[in-house]
């Protein structure tokens, strides 16, 4: 079974689509190469409470485990 971080990476269009990621209290702030590859339904299925898209800047609201998940994703990069 995929980890929460792996599911979020998939929802963001894969590791190669993520340019930057950072945890910020309750959200993951990301910059992606291609926003059309972001699957909001997959992110919500992975546990996201919400997704905010502003061009290629994507915020994934996931709660207080945002920092450890960001660290896990950075390790994958």
PDB file of N, CA and C in Angstrom:
ATOM      1  N   UNK A   1       0.850  -1.199   0.000  1.00  0.00           N
ATOM      2  CA  UNK A   1       0.000   0.000   0.000  1.00  0.00           C
ATOM      3  C   UNK A   1       0.887   1.252   0.000  1.00  0.00           C
ATOM      4  N   UNK A   2       0.538   2.205  -0.812  1.00  0.00           N
ATOM      5  CA  UNK A   2       1.318   3.433  -0.936  1.00  0.00           C
ATOM      6  C   UNK A   2       1.145   4.298   0.310  1.00  0.00           C
ATOM      7  N   UNK A   3       2.210   4.987   0.679  1.00  0.00           N
ATOM      8  CA  UNK A   3       2.145   5.897   1.822  1.00  0.00           C
ATOM      9  C   UNK A   3       1.349   7.139   1.430  1.00  0.00           C
ATOM     10  N   UNK A   4       0.972   7.914   2.451  1.00  0.00           N
ATOM     11  CA  UNK A   4       0.236   9.153   2.189  1.00  0.00           C
ATOM     12  C   UNK A   4       1.061  10.082   1.298  1.00  0.00           C
ATOM     13  N   UNK A   5       2.366  10.146   1.563  1.00  0.00           N
ATOM     14  CA  UNK A   5       3.238  10.999   0.744  1.00  0.00           C
ATOM     15  C   UNK A   5       3.234  10.535  -0.708  1.00  0.00           C
ATOM     16  N   UNK A   6       3.304   9.217  -0.929  1.00  0.00           N
ATOM     17  CA  UNK A   6       3.307   8.682  -2.297  1.00  0.00           C
ATOM     18  C   UNK A   6       1.989   8.976  -3.004  1.00  0.00           C
ATOM     19  N   UNK A   7       0.889   8.892  -2.282  1.00  0.00           N
ATOM     20  CA  UNK A   7      -0.415   9.197  -2.872  1.00  0.00           C
ATOM     21  C   UNK A   7      -0.513  10.675  -3.238  1.00  0.00           C
ATOM     22  N   UNK A   8       0.038  11.530  -2.405  1.00  0.00           N
ATOM     23  CA  UNK A   8       0.012  12.970  -2.691  1.00  0.00           C
ATOM     24  C   UNK A   8       0.901  13.280  -3.899  1.00  0.00           C
ATOM     25  N   UNK A   9       2.061  12.638  -3.968  1.00  0.00           N
ATOM     26  CA  UNK A   9       2.936  12.815  -5.132  1.00  0.00           C
ATOM     27  C   UNK A   9       2.190  12.425  -6.406  1.00  0.00           C
ATOM     28  N   UNK A  10       1.497  11.299  -6.365  1.00  0.00           N
ATOM     29  CA  UNK A  10       0.727  10.856  -7.536  1.00  0.00           C
ATOM     30  C   UNK A  10      -0.336  11.891  -7.894  1.00  0.00           C
ATOM     31  N   UNK A  11      -1.016  12.436  -6.899  1.00  0.00           N
ATOM     32  CA  UNK A  11      -2.049  13.447  -7.134  1.00  0.00           C
ATOM     33  C   UNK A  11      -1.495  14.745  -7.691  1.00  0.00           C
ATOM     34  N   UNK A  12      -0.218  14.993  -7.417  1.00  0.00           N
ATOM     35  CA  UNK A  12       0.427  16.198  -7.943  1.00  0.00           C
ATOM     36  C   UNK A  12       1.027  15.970  -9.330  1.00  0.00           C
ATOM     37  N   UNK A  13       0.779  14.812  -9.901  1.00  0.00           N
ATOM     38  CA  UNK A  13       1.249  14.543 -11.260  1.00  0.00           C
ATOM     39  C   UNK A  13       2.568  13.797 -11.321  1.00  0.00           C
ATOM     40  N   UNK A  14       3.011  13.243 -10.199  1.00  0.00           N
ATOM     41  CA  UNK A  14       4.255  12.484 -10.179  1.00  0.00           C
ATOM     42  C   UNK A  14       5.425  13.327  -9.721  1.00  0.00           C
ATOM     43  N   UNK A  15       6.458  12.648  -9.260  1.00  0.00           N
ATOM     44  CA  UNK A  15       7.633  13.328  -8.705  1.00  0.00           C
ATOM     45  C   UNK A  15       8.282  14.262  -9.730  1.00  0.00           C
ATOM     46  N   UNK A  16       8.247  13.873 -11.011  1.00  0.00           N
ATOM     47  CA  UNK A  16       8.876  14.706 -12.050  1.00  0.00           C
ATOM     48  C   UNK A  16       8.094  15.991 -12.317  1.00  0.00           C
ATOM     49  N   UNK A  17       6.844  16.072 -11.850  1.00  0.00           N
ATOM     50  CA  UNK A  17       6.045  17.283 -12.052  1.00  0.00           C
ATOM     51  C   UNK A  17       6.227  18.283 -10.906  1.00  0.00           C
ATOM     52  N   UNK A  18       6.837  17.855  -9.815  1.00  0.00           N
ATOM     53  CA  UNK A  18       6.996  18.730  -8.653  1.00  0.00           C
ATOM     54  C   UNK A  18       8.322  19.471  -8.761  1.00  0.00           C
ATOM     55  N   UNK A  19       8.238  20.793  -8.768  1.00  0.00           N
ATOM     56  CA  UNK A  19       9.437  21.627  -8.831  1.00  0.00           C
ATOM     57  C   UNK A  19       9.929  21.936  -7.423  1.00  0.00           C
ATOM     58  N   UNK A  20       9.017  22.326  -6.533  1.00  0.00           N
ATOM     59  CA  UNK A  20       9.349  22.665  -5.151  1.00  0.00           C
ATOM     60  C   UNK A  20       8.230  22.189  -4.249  1.00  0.00           C
ATOM     61  N   UNK A  21       8.573  21.871  -2.996  1.00  0.00           N
ATOM     62  CA  UNK A  21       7.552  21.535  -2.001  1.00  0.00           C
ATOM     63  C   UNK A  21       8.033  21.988  -0.639  1.00  0.00           C
ATOM     64  N   UNK A  22       7.098  22.492   0.157  1.00  0.00           N
ATOM     65  CA  UNK A  22       7.445  22.929   1.497  1.00  0.00           C
ATOM     66  C   UNK A  22       6.224  22.776   2.387  1.00  0.00           C
ATOM     67  N   UNK A  23       6.451  22.330   3.608  1.00  0.00           N
ATOM     68  CA  UNK A  23       5.380  22.223   4.591  1.00  0.00           C
ATOM     69  C   UNK A  23       5.169  23.566   5.258  1.00  0.00           C
ATOM     70  N   UNK A  24       3.935  23.920   5.500  1.00  0.00           N
ATOM     71  CA  UNK A  24       3.621  25.202   6.128  1.00  0.00           C
ATOM     72  C   UNK A  24       2.440  24.994   7.085  1.00  0.00           C
ATOM     73  N   UNK A  25       2.723  24.595   8.287  1.00  0.00           N
ATOM     74  CA  UNK A  25       1.777  24.326   9.371  1.00  0.00           C
ATOM     75  C   UNK A  25       0.745  23.269   8.991  1.00  0.00           C
ATOM     76  N   UNK A  26      -0.265  23.617   8.187  1.00  0.00           N
ATOM     77  CA  UNK A  26      -1.317  22.649   7.845  1.00  0.00           C
ATOM     78  C   UNK A  26      -1.409  22.374   6.346  1.00  0.00           C
ATOM     79  N   UNK A  27      -0.508  22.921   5.563  1.00  0.00           N
ATOM     80  CA  UNK A  27      -0.589  22.722   4.117  1.00  0.00           C
ATOM     81  C   UNK A  27       0.765  22.470   3.497  1.00  0.00           C
ATOM     82  N   UNK A  28       0.693  21.822   2.363  1.00  0.00           N
ATOM     83  CA  UNK A  28       1.875  21.653   1.524  1.00  0.00           C
ATOM     84  C   UNK A  28       1.815  22.743   0.466  1.00  0.00           C
ATOM     85  N   UNK A  29       2.830  23.534   0.393  1.00  0.00           N
ATOM     86  CA  UNK A  29       2.921  24.554  -0.658  1.00  0.00           C
ATOM     87  C   UNK A  29       3.843  23.978  -1.729  1.00  0.00           C
ATOM     88  N   UNK A  30       3.312  23.854  -2.927  1.00  0.00           N
ATOM     89  CA  UNK A  30       4.091  23.246  -4.003  1.00  0.00           C
ATOM     90  C   UNK A  30       4.103  24.141  -5.226  1.00  0.00           C
ATOM     91  N   UNK A  31       5.121  23.946  -6.011  1.00  0.00           N
ATOM     92  CA  UNK A  31       5.228  24.562  -7.338  1.00  0.00           C
ATOM     93  C   UNK A  31       5.398  23.397  -8.297  1.00  0.00           C
ATOM     94  N   UNK A  32       4.500  23.303  -9.272  1.00  0.00           N
ATOM     95  CA  UNK A  32       4.558  22.199 -10.227  1.00  0.00           C
ATOM     96  C   UNK A  32       4.901  22.726 -11.616  1.00  0.00           C
ATOM     97  N   UNK A  33       5.389  21.833 -12.457  1.00  0.00           N
ATOM     98  CA  UNK A  33       5.723  22.215 -13.833  1.00  0.00           C
ATOM     99  C   UNK A  33       4.455  22.365 -14.681  1.00  0.00           C
ATOM    100  N   UNK A  34       3.502  21.443 -14.506  1.00  0.00           N
ATOM    101  CA  UNK A  34       2.293  21.414 -15.330  1.00  0.00           C
ATOM    102  C   UNK A  34       1.072  21.219 -14.428  1.00  0.00           C
ATOM    103  N   UNK A  35       0.329  22.306 -14.191  1.00  0.00           N
ATOM    104  CA  UNK A  35      -0.828  22.255 -13.293  1.00  0.00           C
ATOM    105  C   UNK A  35      -1.940  21.360 -13.819  1.00  0.00           C
ATOM    106  N   UNK A  36      -1.967  21.092 -15.120  1.00  0.00           N
ATOM    107  CA  UNK A  36      -3.029  20.243 -15.675  1.00  0.00           C
ATOM    108  C   UNK A  36      -2.866  18.782 -15.242  1.00  0.00           C
ATOM    109  N   UNK A  37      -1.681  18.407 -14.757  1.00  0.00           N
ATOM    110  CA  UNK A  37      -1.437  17.044 -14.296  1.00  0.00           C
ATOM    111  C   UNK A  37      -1.899  16.820 -12.848  1.00  0.00           C
ATOM    112  N   UNK A  38      -2.274  17.895 -12.158  1.00  0.00           N
ATOM    113  CA  UNK A  38      -2.706  17.785 -10.758  1.00  0.00           C
ATOM    114  C   UNK A  38      -4.125  17.220 -10.724  1.00  0.00           C
ATOM    115  N   UNK A  39      -4.294  16.140  -9.958  1.00  0.00           N
ATOM    116  CA  UNK A  39      -5.579  15.446  -9.839  1.00  0.00           C
ATOM    117  C   UNK A  39      -6.160  15.739  -8.456  1.00  0.00           C
ATOM    118  N   UNK A  40      -7.069  16.719  -8.409  1.00  0.00           N
ATOM    119  CA  UNK A  40      -7.651  17.157  -7.152  1.00  0.00           C
ATOM    120  C   UNK A  40      -8.398  16.025  -6.440  1.00  0.00           C
ATOM    121  N   UNK A  41      -9.102  15.197  -7.183  1.00  0.00           N
ATOM    122  CA  UNK A  41      -9.834  14.069  -6.590  1.00  0.00           C
ATOM    123  C   UNK A  41      -8.870  13.077  -5.938  1.00  0.00           C
ATOM    124  N   UNK A  42      -7.733  12.822  -6.591  1.00  0.00           N
ATOM    125  CA  UNK A  42      -6.732  11.906  -6.030  1.00  0.00           C
ATOM    126  C   UNK A  42      -6.117  12.494  -4.761  1.00  0.00           C
ATOM    127  N   UNK A  43      -5.899  13.806  -4.740  1.00  0.00           N
ATOM    128  CA  UNK A  43      -5.356  14.449  -3.541  1.00  0.00           C
ATOM    129  C   UNK A  43      -6.339  14.339  -2.380  1.00  0.00           C
ATOM    130  N   UNK A  44      -7.612  14.551  -2.666  1.00  0.00           N
ATOM    131  CA  UNK A  44      -8.634  14.427  -1.616  1.00  0.00           C
ATOM    132  C   UNK A  44      -8.753  12.979  -1.149  1.00  0.00           C
ATOM    133  N   UNK A  45      -8.631  12.025  -2.065  1.00  0.00           N
ATOM    134  CA  UNK A  45      -8.666  10.606  -1.690  1.00  0.00           C
ATOM    135  C   UNK A  45      -7.456  10.250  -0.826  1.00  0.00           C
ATOM    136  N   UNK A  46      -6.356  10.979  -0.989  1.00  0.00           N
ATOM    137  CA  UNK A  46      -5.148  10.746  -0.198  1.00  0.00           C
ATOM    138  C   UNK A  46      -5.226  11.405   1.172  1.00  0.00           C
ATOM    139  N   UNK A  47      -6.304  12.137   1.437  1.00  0.00           N
ATOM    140  CA  UNK A  47      -6.483  12.744   2.753  1.00  0.00           C
ATOM    141  C   UNK A  47      -6.474  14.255   2.784  1.00  0.00           C
ATOM    142  N   UNK A  48      -6.358  14.905   1.632  1.00  0.00           N
ATOM    143  CA  UNK A  48      -6.375  16.367   1.602  1.00  0.00           C
ATOM    144  C   UNK A  48      -7.765  16.884   1.944  1.00  0.00           C
ATOM    145  N   UNK A  49      -7.810  17.922   2.752  1.00  0.00           N
ATOM    146  CA  UNK A  49      -9.084  18.562   3.100  1.00  0.00           C
ATOM    147  C   UNK A  49      -9.501  19.561   2.028  1.00  0.00           C
ATOM    148  N   UNK A  50      -8.520  20.023   1.252  1.00  0.00           N
ATOM    149  CA  UNK A  50      -8.793  20.973   0.189  1.00  0.00           C
ATOM    150  C   UNK A  50      -7.561  21.196  -0.662  1.00  0.00           C
ATOM    151  N   UNK A  51      -7.776  21.759  -1.829  1.00  0.00           N
ATOM    152  CA  UNK A  51      -6.691  22.049  -2.767  1.00  0.00           C
ATOM    153  C   UNK A  51      -6.925  23.453  -3.306  1.00  0.00           C
ATOM    154  N   UNK A  52      -5.885  24.273  -3.259  1.00  0.00           N
ATOM    155  CA  UNK A  52      -5.960  25.635  -3.786  1.00  0.00           C
ATOM    156  C   UNK A  52      -4.975  25.728  -4.942  1.00  0.00           C
ATOM    157  N   UNK A  53      -5.487  26.060  -6.132  1.00  0.00           N
ATOM    158  CA  UNK A  53      -4.634  26.186  -7.321  1.00  0.00           C
ATOM    159  C   UNK A  53      -4.539  27.653  -7.718  1.00  0.00           C
ATOM    160  N   UNK A  54      -3.306  28.102  -7.926  1.00  0.00           N
ATOM    161  CA  UNK A  54      -3.050  29.456  -8.421  1.00  0.00           C
ATOM    162  C   UNK A  54      -1.970  29.347  -9.481  1.00  0.00           C
ATOM    163  N   UNK A  55      -2.380  29.013 -10.683  1.00  0.00           N
ATOM    164  CA  UNK A  55      -1.401  28.765 -11.747  1.00  0.00           C
ATOM    165  C   UNK A  55      -0.653  27.487 -11.446  1.00  0.00           C
ATOM    166  N   UNK A  56       0.673  27.571 -11.390  1.00  0.00           N
ATOM    167  CA  UNK A  56       1.472  26.384 -11.077  1.00  0.00           C
ATOM    168  C   UNK A  56       1.780  26.271  -9.585  1.00  0.00           C
ATOM    169  N   UNK A  57       1.261  27.190  -8.790  1.00  0.00           N
ATOM    170  CA  UNK A  57       1.392  27.109  -7.330  1.00  0.00           C
ATOM    171  C   UNK A  57       0.171  26.371  -6.793  1.00  0.00           C
ATOM    172  N   UNK A  58       0.428  25.259  -6.108  1.00  0.00           N
ATOM    173  CA  UNK A  58      -0.646  24.421  -5.588  1.00  0.00           C
ATOM    174  C   UNK A  58      -0.470  24.311  -4.083  1.00  0.00           C
ATOM    175  N   UNK A  59      -1.552  24.539  -3.333  1.00  0.00           N
ATOM    176  CA  UNK A  59      -1.531  24.322  -1.893  1.00  0.00           C
ATOM    177  C   UNK A  59      -2.453  23.154  -1.591  1.00  0.00           C
ATOM    178  N   UNK A  60      -1.930  22.170  -0.863  1.00  0.00           N
ATOM    179  CA  UNK A  60      -2.700  20.993  -0.487  1.00  0.00           C
ATOM    180  C   UNK A  60      -2.914  21.074   1.019  1.00  0.00           C
ATOM    181  N   UNK A  61      -4.156  21.270   1.443  1.00  0.00           N
ATOM    182  CA  UNK A  61      -4.478  21.398   2.862  1.00  0.00           C
ATOM    183  C   UNK A  61      -4.629  19.988   3.433  1.00  0.00           C
ATOM    184  N   UNK A  62      -3.703  19.611   4.349  1.00  0.00           N
ATOM    185  CA  UNK A  62      -3.732  18.246   4.869  1.00  0.00           C
ATOM    186  C   UNK A  62      -3.715  18.157   6.381  1.00  0.00           C
ATOM    187  N   UNK A  63      -3.579  19.241   7.076  1.00  0.00           N
ATOM    188  CA  UNK A  63      -3.566  19.186   8.537  1.00  0.00           C
ATOM    189  C   UNK A  63      -2.157  19.259   9.096  1.00  0.00           C
ATOM    190  N   UNK A  64      -2.049  18.905  10.375  1.00  0.00           N
ATOM    191  CA  UNK A  64      -0.803  19.135  11.103  1.00  0.00           C
ATOM    192  C   UNK A  64       0.350  18.233  10.687  1.00  0.00           C
ATOM    193  N   UNK A  65       0.110  17.233   9.867  1.00  0.00           N
ATOM    194  CA  UNK A  65       1.220  16.385   9.418  1.00  0.00           C
ATOM    195  C   UNK A  65       1.833  16.877   8.113  1.00  0.00           C
ATOM    196  N   UNK A  66       1.600  18.136   7.760  1.00  0.00           N
ATOM    197  CA  UNK A  66       2.137  18.698   6.509  1.00  0.00           C
ATOM    198  C   UNK A  66       3.662  18.688   6.489  1.00  0.00           C
ATOM    199  N   UNK A  67       4.304  19.088   7.582  1.00  0.00           N
ATOM    200  CA  UNK A  67       5.770  19.148   7.593  1.00  0.00           C
ATOM    201  C   UNK A  67       6.409  17.772   7.406  1.00  0.00           C
ATOM    202  N   UNK A  68       5.977  16.728   8.161  1.00  0.00           N
ATOM    203  CA  UNK A  68       6.595  15.419   7.926  1.00  0.00           C
ATOM    204  C   UNK A  68       6.325  14.864   6.524  1.00  0.00           C
ATOM    205  N   UNK A  69       5.140  15.128   5.976  1.00  0.00           N
ATOM    206  CA  UNK A  69       4.836  14.641   4.619  1.00  0.00           C
ATOM    207  C   UNK A  69       5.719  15.391   3.608  1.00  0.00           C
ATOM    208  N   UNK A  70       5.910  16.695   3.796  1.00  0.00           N
ATOM    209  CA  UNK A  70       6.800  17.446   2.906  1.00  0.00           C
ATOM    210  C   UNK A  70       8.208  16.886   2.973  1.00  0.00           C
ATOM    211  N   UNK A  71       8.676  16.525   4.163  1.00  0.00           N
ATOM    212  CA  UNK A  71      10.008  15.947   4.314  1.00  0.00           C
ATOM    213  C   UNK A  71      10.092  14.594   3.582  1.00  0.00           C
ATOM    214  N   UNK A  72       9.043  13.783   3.692  1.00  0.00           N
ATOM    215  CA  UNK A  72       9.023  12.500   2.989  1.00  0.00           C
ATOM    216  C   UNK A  72       9.097  12.699   1.475  1.00  0.00           C
ATOM    217  N   UNK A  73       8.344  13.683   0.973  1.00  0.00           N
ATOM    218  CA  UNK A  73       8.342  13.951  -0.467  1.00  0.00           C
ATOM    219  C   UNK A  73       9.702  14.490  -0.911  1.00  0.00           C
ATOM    220  N   UNK A  74      10.308  15.358  -0.108  1.00  0.00           N
ATOM    221  CA  UNK A  74      11.643  15.875  -0.450  1.00  0.00           C
ATOM    222  C   UNK A  74      12.647  14.737  -0.536  1.00  0.00           C
ATOM    223  N   UNK A  75      12.513  13.733   0.355  1.00  0.00           N
ATOM    224  CA  UNK A  75      13.414  12.576   0.309  1.00  0.00           C
ATOM    225  C   UNK A  75      13.243  11.795  -0.995  1.00  0.00           C
ATOM    226  N   UNK A  76      12.038  11.784  -1.553  1.00  0.00           N
ATOM    227  CA  UNK A  76      11.792  11.090  -2.821  1.00  0.00           C
ATOM    228  C   UNK A  76      12.409  11.833  -4.000  1.00  0.00           C
ATOM    229  N   UNK A  77      12.551  13.147  -3.864  1.00  0.00           N
ATOM    230  CA  UNK A  77      13.069  13.974  -4.947  1.00  0.00           C
ATOM    231  C   UNK A  77      14.554  13.815  -4.980  1.00  0.00           C
TER     232      UNK A  77
END
